[in-house]
Amino acid sequence: MMQQPEEFPVIITNAEERIWEGVAQSISSKNSVGQFDILPGHANFVTMVKNEPIVIRAYMKRKGLFTYKTAVITIRENKVEIYSDI
């Protein structure tokens, strides 16, 4: 049986630049349906987040907090891309 990864790559970009890049153990935020979490091995997924914090958790309890007027989060093949200020 294949083992699930413990982390996944994350890239945050806007139209002009790459804002942040790293690895995460989880991401949490809220969309129009409610609170959601992204964990390693998550199914492919696309959502829009409006004016809600996006919390990126990494090892050693390190946490990043990003908030944008509108952001699109995509998960594909265990890679997360966040497109900010859409």
N, C-alpha and C. Protein backbone atom coordinates (compact mmCIF):
# COMPACT_ATOMS: atom_id res chain seq x y z
N MET A 1 0.83 -1.17 0.00
CA MET A 1 0.00 0.00 0.00
C MET A 1 0.89 1.25 0.00
N MET A 2 0.50 2.25 -0.79
CA MET A 2 1.28 3.48 -0.91
C MET A 2 1.04 4.38 0.31
N GLN A 3 2.10 4.92 0.86
CA GLN A 3 2.00 5.77 2.04
C GLN A 3 1.65 7.21 1.64
N GLN A 4 0.76 7.83 2.42
CA GLN A 4 0.37 9.22 2.17
C GLN A 4 1.53 10.15 2.49
N PRO A 5 1.74 11.20 1.71
CA PRO A 5 2.77 12.19 2.06
C PRO A 5 2.38 12.94 3.32
N GLU A 6 3.36 13.47 4.03
CA GLU A 6 3.10 14.21 5.26
C GLU A 6 3.00 15.71 5.03
N GLU A 7 3.37 16.16 3.85
CA GLU A 7 3.31 17.58 3.53
C GLU A 7 3.10 17.74 2.04
N PHE A 8 2.87 18.98 1.62
CA PHE A 8 2.62 19.25 0.20
C PHE A 8 3.13 20.64 -0.13
N PRO A 9 3.54 20.86 -1.41
CA PRO A 9 4.04 22.18 -1.80
C PRO A 9 2.89 23.18 -1.97
N VAL A 10 3.19 24.44 -1.64
CA VAL A 10 2.21 25.53 -1.74
C VAL A 10 2.89 26.72 -2.41
N ILE A 11 2.19 27.32 -3.36
CA ILE A 11 2.66 28.55 -4.01
C ILE A 11 1.52 29.56 -3.96
N ILE A 12 1.84 30.79 -3.53
CA ILE A 12 0.87 31.89 -3.56
C ILE A 12 1.39 32.92 -4.56
N THR A 13 0.55 33.26 -5.53
CA THR A 13 0.94 34.24 -6.55
C THR A 13 -0.19 35.24 -6.78
N ASN A 14 0.18 36.37 -7.34
CA ASN A 14 -0.81 37.30 -7.89
C ASN A 14 -0.39 37.58 -9.33
N ALA A 15 -1.00 38.52 -9.96
CA ALA A 15 -0.71 38.78 -11.38
C ALA A 15 0.73 39.26 -11.61
N GLU A 16 1.38 39.80 -10.58
CA GLU A 16 2.70 40.39 -10.77
C GLU A 16 3.86 39.60 -10.19
N GLU A 17 3.60 38.79 -9.16
CA GLU A 17 4.74 38.15 -8.49
C GLU A 17 4.35 36.90 -7.71
N ARG A 18 5.37 36.13 -7.37
CA ARG A 18 5.20 35.00 -6.45
C ARG A 18 5.33 35.58 -5.04
N ILE A 19 4.29 35.43 -4.25
CA ILE A 19 4.25 36.02 -2.91
C ILE A 19 4.91 35.12 -1.87
N TRP A 20 4.64 33.82 -1.96
CA TRP A 20 5.18 32.89 -0.98
C TRP A 20 5.26 31.51 -1.60
N GLU A 21 6.28 30.75 -1.21
CA GLU A 21 6.41 29.37 -1.67
C GLU A 21 7.02 28.56 -0.55
N GLY A 22 6.47 27.38 -0.30
CA GLY A 22 6.99 26.53 0.75
C GLY A 22 6.23 25.22 0.79
N VAL A 23 6.36 24.52 1.91
CA VAL A 23 5.61 23.27 2.11
C VAL A 23 4.73 23.42 3.33
N ALA A 24 3.61 22.69 3.32
CA ALA A 24 2.66 22.78 4.43
C ALA A 24 2.23 21.39 4.86
N GLN A 25 1.78 21.31 6.10
CA GLN A 25 1.15 20.10 6.62
C GLN A 25 -0.36 20.22 6.51
N SER A 26 -0.87 21.46 6.53
CA SER A 26 -2.31 21.68 6.36
C SER A 26 -2.57 23.13 5.99
N ILE A 27 -3.74 23.35 5.39
CA ILE A 27 -4.24 24.69 5.10
C ILE A 27 -5.69 24.73 5.55
N SER A 28 -6.09 25.83 6.18
CA SER A 28 -7.47 26.00 6.62
C SER A 28 -7.98 27.35 6.16
N SER A 29 -9.26 27.38 5.79
CA SER A 29 -9.90 28.64 5.43
C SER A 29 -11.41 28.43 5.43
N LYS A 30 -12.12 29.38 4.85
CA LYS A 30 -13.58 29.33 4.79
C LYS A 30 -14.03 29.82 3.42
N ASN A 31 -14.91 29.04 2.77
CA ASN A 31 -15.48 29.46 1.49
C ASN A 31 -16.98 29.70 1.67
N SER A 32 -17.73 29.81 0.59
CA SER A 32 -19.16 30.10 0.69
C SER A 32 -19.97 28.97 1.34
N VAL A 33 -19.41 27.77 1.36
CA VAL A 33 -20.09 26.62 1.97
C VAL A 33 -19.76 26.50 3.46
N GLY A 34 -18.56 26.93 3.85
CA GLY A 34 -18.14 26.85 5.25
C GLY A 34 -16.65 26.59 5.39
N GLN A 35 -16.26 26.24 6.60
CA GLN A 35 -14.86 25.98 6.94
C GLN A 35 -14.37 24.74 6.20
N PHE A 36 -13.11 24.77 5.75
CA PHE A 36 -12.52 23.59 5.13
C PHE A 36 -11.04 23.50 5.50
N ASP A 37 -10.51 22.29 5.40
CA ASP A 37 -9.10 22.01 5.65
C ASP A 37 -8.55 21.23 4.47
N ILE A 38 -7.31 21.49 4.15
CA ILE A 38 -6.59 20.75 3.12
C ILE A 38 -5.45 20.02 3.83
N LEU A 39 -5.41 18.71 3.64
CA LEU A 39 -4.38 17.88 4.25
C LEU A 39 -3.63 17.15 3.14
N PRO A 40 -2.46 16.58 3.45
CA PRO A 40 -1.72 15.83 2.44
C PRO A 40 -2.59 14.74 1.82
N GLY A 41 -2.49 14.58 0.50
CA GLY A 41 -3.27 13.57 -0.20
C GLY A 41 -4.69 14.00 -0.52
N HIS A 42 -5.02 15.27 -0.31
CA HIS A 42 -6.38 15.77 -0.57
C HIS A 42 -6.76 15.54 -2.03
N ALA A 43 -8.03 15.28 -2.27
CA ALA A 43 -8.54 15.13 -3.64
C ALA A 43 -8.37 16.45 -4.40
N ASN A 44 -8.32 16.37 -5.71
CA ASN A 44 -8.27 17.58 -6.53
C ASN A 44 -9.48 18.45 -6.18
N PHE A 45 -9.26 19.78 -6.12
CA PHE A 45 -10.27 20.67 -5.54
C PHE A 45 -9.99 22.08 -6.02
N VAL A 46 -11.05 22.86 -6.26
CA VAL A 46 -10.93 24.28 -6.59
C VAL A 46 -11.97 25.02 -5.78
N THR A 47 -11.58 26.13 -5.16
CA THR A 47 -12.53 26.93 -4.40
C THR A 47 -12.13 28.39 -4.42
N MET A 48 -13.09 29.25 -4.12
CA MET A 48 -12.83 30.68 -4.01
C MET A 48 -13.00 31.09 -2.55
N VAL A 49 -12.08 31.91 -2.08
CA VAL A 49 -12.13 32.43 -0.71
C VAL A 49 -12.19 33.95 -0.80
N LYS A 50 -13.16 34.54 -0.09
CA LYS A 50 -13.33 35.99 -0.13
C LYS A 50 -13.21 36.57 1.28
N ASN A 51 -12.23 37.44 1.47
CA ASN A 51 -12.04 38.16 2.73
C ASN A 51 -11.99 37.25 3.96
N GLU A 52 -11.43 36.08 3.80
CA GLU A 52 -11.26 35.14 4.93
C GLU A 52 -9.79 34.78 5.04
N PRO A 53 -9.29 34.60 6.25
CA PRO A 53 -7.89 34.20 6.40
C PRO A 53 -7.63 32.81 5.81
N ILE A 54 -6.48 32.67 5.20
CA ILE A 54 -5.99 31.37 4.73
C ILE A 54 -4.80 31.05 5.64
N VAL A 55 -4.93 29.99 6.43
CA VAL A 55 -3.91 29.63 7.41
C VAL A 55 -3.11 28.45 6.87
N ILE A 56 -1.81 28.66 6.73
CA ILE A 56 -0.92 27.61 6.24
C ILE A 56 -0.05 27.15 7.41
N ARG A 57 -0.16 25.87 7.75
CA ARG A 57 0.60 25.32 8.88
C ARG A 57 1.74 24.44 8.36
N ALA A 58 2.92 24.64 8.94
CA ALA A 58 4.10 23.86 8.57
C ALA A 58 4.67 23.22 9.84
N TYR A 59 5.78 22.52 9.67
CA TYR A 59 6.44 21.86 10.81
C TYR A 59 6.84 22.86 11.89
N MET A 60 7.07 22.33 13.07
CA MET A 60 7.53 23.11 14.22
C MET A 60 6.51 24.20 14.59
N LYS A 61 5.24 23.92 14.34
CA LYS A 61 4.14 24.83 14.70
C LYS A 61 4.25 26.18 14.02
N ARG A 62 5.00 26.26 12.93
CA ARG A 62 5.09 27.51 12.17
C ARG A 62 3.81 27.70 11.40
N LYS A 63 3.34 28.94 11.37
CA LYS A 63 2.06 29.22 10.74
C LYS A 63 2.16 30.50 9.92
N GLY A 64 1.57 30.47 8.73
CA GLY A 64 1.45 31.67 7.91
C GLY A 64 -0.01 32.04 7.78
N LEU A 65 -0.31 33.31 7.82
CA LEU A 65 -1.69 33.79 7.72
C LEU A 65 -1.76 34.80 6.59
N PHE A 66 -2.62 34.53 5.60
CA PHE A 66 -2.77 35.38 4.43
C PHE A 66 -4.25 35.69 4.25
N THR A 67 -4.58 36.95 3.97
CA THR A 67 -5.97 37.34 3.72
C THR A 67 -6.00 38.22 2.47
N TYR A 68 -6.90 37.89 1.56
CA TYR A 68 -7.05 38.63 0.31
C TYR A 68 -8.53 38.92 0.08
N LYS A 69 -8.80 39.97 -0.68
CA LYS A 69 -10.19 40.29 -1.02
C LYS A 69 -10.82 39.08 -1.72
N THR A 70 -10.12 38.52 -2.68
CA THR A 70 -10.57 37.30 -3.37
C THR A 70 -9.35 36.46 -3.72
N ALA A 71 -9.44 35.16 -3.44
CA ALA A 71 -8.37 34.23 -3.80
C ALA A 71 -8.99 32.94 -4.31
N VAL A 72 -8.32 32.32 -5.26
CA VAL A 72 -8.72 31.01 -5.76
C VAL A 72 -7.67 30.01 -5.30
N ILE A 73 -8.13 28.93 -4.68
CA ILE A 73 -7.24 27.87 -4.21
C ILE A 73 -7.48 26.64 -5.07
N THR A 74 -6.41 26.09 -5.63
CA THR A 74 -6.52 24.86 -6.40
C THR A 74 -5.61 23.80 -5.80
N ILE A 75 -6.10 22.58 -5.77
CA ILE A 75 -5.29 21.44 -5.36
C ILE A 75 -5.33 20.46 -6.51
N ARG A 76 -4.15 20.09 -6.98
CA ARG A 76 -4.05 19.11 -8.06
C ARG A 76 -2.82 18.27 -7.83
N GLU A 77 -3.02 16.97 -7.75
CA GLU A 77 -1.92 16.03 -7.55
C GLU A 77 -1.06 16.42 -6.35
N ASN A 78 -1.71 16.75 -5.24
CA ASN A 78 -1.07 17.08 -3.97
C ASN A 78 -0.23 18.36 -4.02
N LYS A 79 -0.52 19.25 -4.96
CA LYS A 79 0.15 20.56 -5.04
C LYS A 79 -0.92 21.63 -4.92
N VAL A 80 -0.67 22.63 -4.08
CA VAL A 80 -1.63 23.70 -3.85
C VAL A 80 -1.11 24.99 -4.47
N GLU A 81 -1.97 25.64 -5.22
CA GLU A 81 -1.67 26.96 -5.76
C GLU A 81 -2.78 27.92 -5.31
N ILE A 82 -2.37 29.06 -4.81
CA ILE A 82 -3.31 30.07 -4.36
C ILE A 82 -3.07 31.31 -5.22
N TYR A 83 -4.11 31.71 -5.94
CA TYR A 83 -4.05 32.88 -6.80
C TYR A 83 -4.75 34.02 -6.07
N SER A 84 -3.99 35.04 -5.68
CA SER A 84 -4.53 36.09 -4.82
C SER A 84 -4.91 37.33 -5.60
N ASP A 85 -5.76 38.14 -4.98
CA ASP A 85 -6.19 39.43 -5.54
C ASP A 85 -6.73 39.28 -6.95
N ILE A 86 -7.59 38.32 -7.14
CA ILE A 86 -8.20 38.05 -8.45
C ILE A 86 -9.25 39.12 -8.73
